[in-house]
């Protein structure tokens, strides 16, 4: 990997913040989030809403039930709360 291809340190901070937000949304500690990502019970997707706002959708499946949160720059929204606007995280 060339130096130009190497991840930038600020990206690590952004990824760390994203993972921290996801862990908080699902009430997981760092080890719990890592395990969920590794075993496939947590799925991450990128998306864009009808207003053009980009988000990361995190879906966590536990005991056969799934819950999805969309992480925007200004907060977290659960899929069932989309019309209510973001809750600050």
Protein backbone atom coordinates (compact mmCIF):
# COMPACT_ATOMS: atom_id res chain seq x y z
CA UNK A 1 0.00 0.00 0.00
CA UNK A 2 1.43 3.32 -1.01
CA UNK A 3 1.43 6.28 1.33
CA UNK A 4 -1.23 7.96 -0.84
CA UNK A 5 -3.51 4.92 -0.41
CA UNK A 6 -3.07 4.73 3.37
CA UNK A 7 -6.11 5.77 5.43
CA UNK A 8 -5.91 9.28 6.83
CA UNK A 9 -5.77 9.59 10.65
CA UNK A 10 -8.87 11.84 10.69
CA UNK A 11 -10.81 8.99 9.10
CA UNK A 12 -10.03 6.86 12.14
CA UNK A 13 -11.59 9.51 14.38
CA UNK A 14 -14.71 9.63 12.21
CA UNK A 15 -15.02 5.83 12.16
CA UNK A 16 -14.48 5.70 15.92
CA UNK A 17 -17.22 8.30 16.41
CA UNK A 18 -19.58 6.38 14.11
CA UNK A 19 -18.99 3.09 15.94
CA UNK A 20 -19.44 4.83 19.29
CA UNK A 21 -22.75 6.28 18.13
CA UNK A 22 -23.93 2.89 16.86
CA UNK A 23 -22.91 1.19 20.11
CA UNK A 24 -24.81 3.82 22.12
CA UNK A 25 -27.91 3.48 19.92
CA UNK A 26 -28.07 -0.27 20.56
CA UNK A 27 -26.78 -0.09 24.16
CA UNK A 28 -23.71 -2.21 23.31
CA UNK A 29 -20.19 -1.94 24.67
CA UNK A 30 -17.21 -1.96 22.28
CA UNK A 31 -16.75 -5.74 22.54
CA UNK A 32 -20.47 -6.32 21.95
CA UNK A 33 -20.45 -4.14 18.84
CA UNK A 34 -17.34 -5.84 17.48
CA UNK A 35 -18.89 -9.28 18.06
CA UNK A 36 -22.16 -8.22 16.38
CA UNK A 37 -20.26 -6.93 13.34
CA UNK A 38 -18.11 -10.07 13.17
CA UNK A 39 -20.96 -12.58 13.51
CA UNK A 40 -23.26 -10.73 11.11
CA UNK A 41 -25.98 -9.80 13.60
CA UNK A 42 -25.15 -6.13 12.89
CA UNK A 43 -25.36 -4.93 9.29
CA UNK A 44 -24.28 -1.50 8.07
CA UNK A 45 -25.52 0.11 4.86
CA UNK A 46 -25.27 3.58 3.40
CA UNK A 47 -28.33 5.43 2.17
CA UNK A 48 -29.90 8.74 1.33
CA UNK A 49 -33.36 9.97 2.30
CA UNK A 50 -35.87 11.80 0.09
CA UNK A 51 -34.35 15.16 1.15
CA UNK A 52 -30.90 14.08 -0.06
CA UNK A 53 -29.48 13.65 3.44
CA UNK A 54 -26.96 10.80 3.61
CA UNK A 55 -26.94 8.31 6.47
CA UNK A 56 -25.54 5.03 7.69
CA UNK A 57 -28.26 2.47 8.44
CA UNK A 58 -27.32 0.07 11.22
CA UNK A 59 -29.54 -2.99 11.63
CA UNK A 60 -29.08 -5.19 14.69
CA UNK A 61 -30.78 -8.57 14.88
CA UNK A 62 -31.02 -10.26 18.26
CA UNK A 63 -33.24 -13.19 19.24
CA UNK A 64 -34.97 -13.05 15.86
CA UNK A 65 -35.95 -9.38 16.16
CA UNK A 66 -34.33 -6.62 14.11
CA UNK A 67 -34.03 -2.93 14.90
CA UNK A 68 -32.68 -0.34 12.46
CA UNK A 69 -31.28 3.10 13.22
CA UNK A 70 -30.21 5.66 10.68
CA UNK A 71 -27.21 7.71 11.72
CA UNK A 72 -27.19 11.22 10.22
CA UNK A 73 -24.75 14.06 10.89
CA UNK A 74 -27.32 15.69 13.19
CA UNK A 75 -28.52 12.64 15.11
CA UNK A 76 -29.94 9.16 15.11
CA UNK A 77 -33.37 8.16 13.86
CA UNK A 78 -35.02 4.80 14.27
CA UNK A 79 -36.85 3.68 11.15
CA UNK A 80 -40.22 3.96 12.92
CA UNK A 81 -39.40 7.56 13.95
CA UNK A 82 -38.44 8.92 10.52
CA UNK A 83 -41.31 11.38 10.30
CA UNK A 84 -40.60 12.80 13.80
CA UNK A 85 -37.10 14.04 12.97
CA UNK A 86 -33.77 13.23 14.58
CA UNK A 87 -33.11 12.65 18.24
CA UNK A 88 -29.85 14.18 19.37
CA UNK A 89 -27.20 11.64 20.29
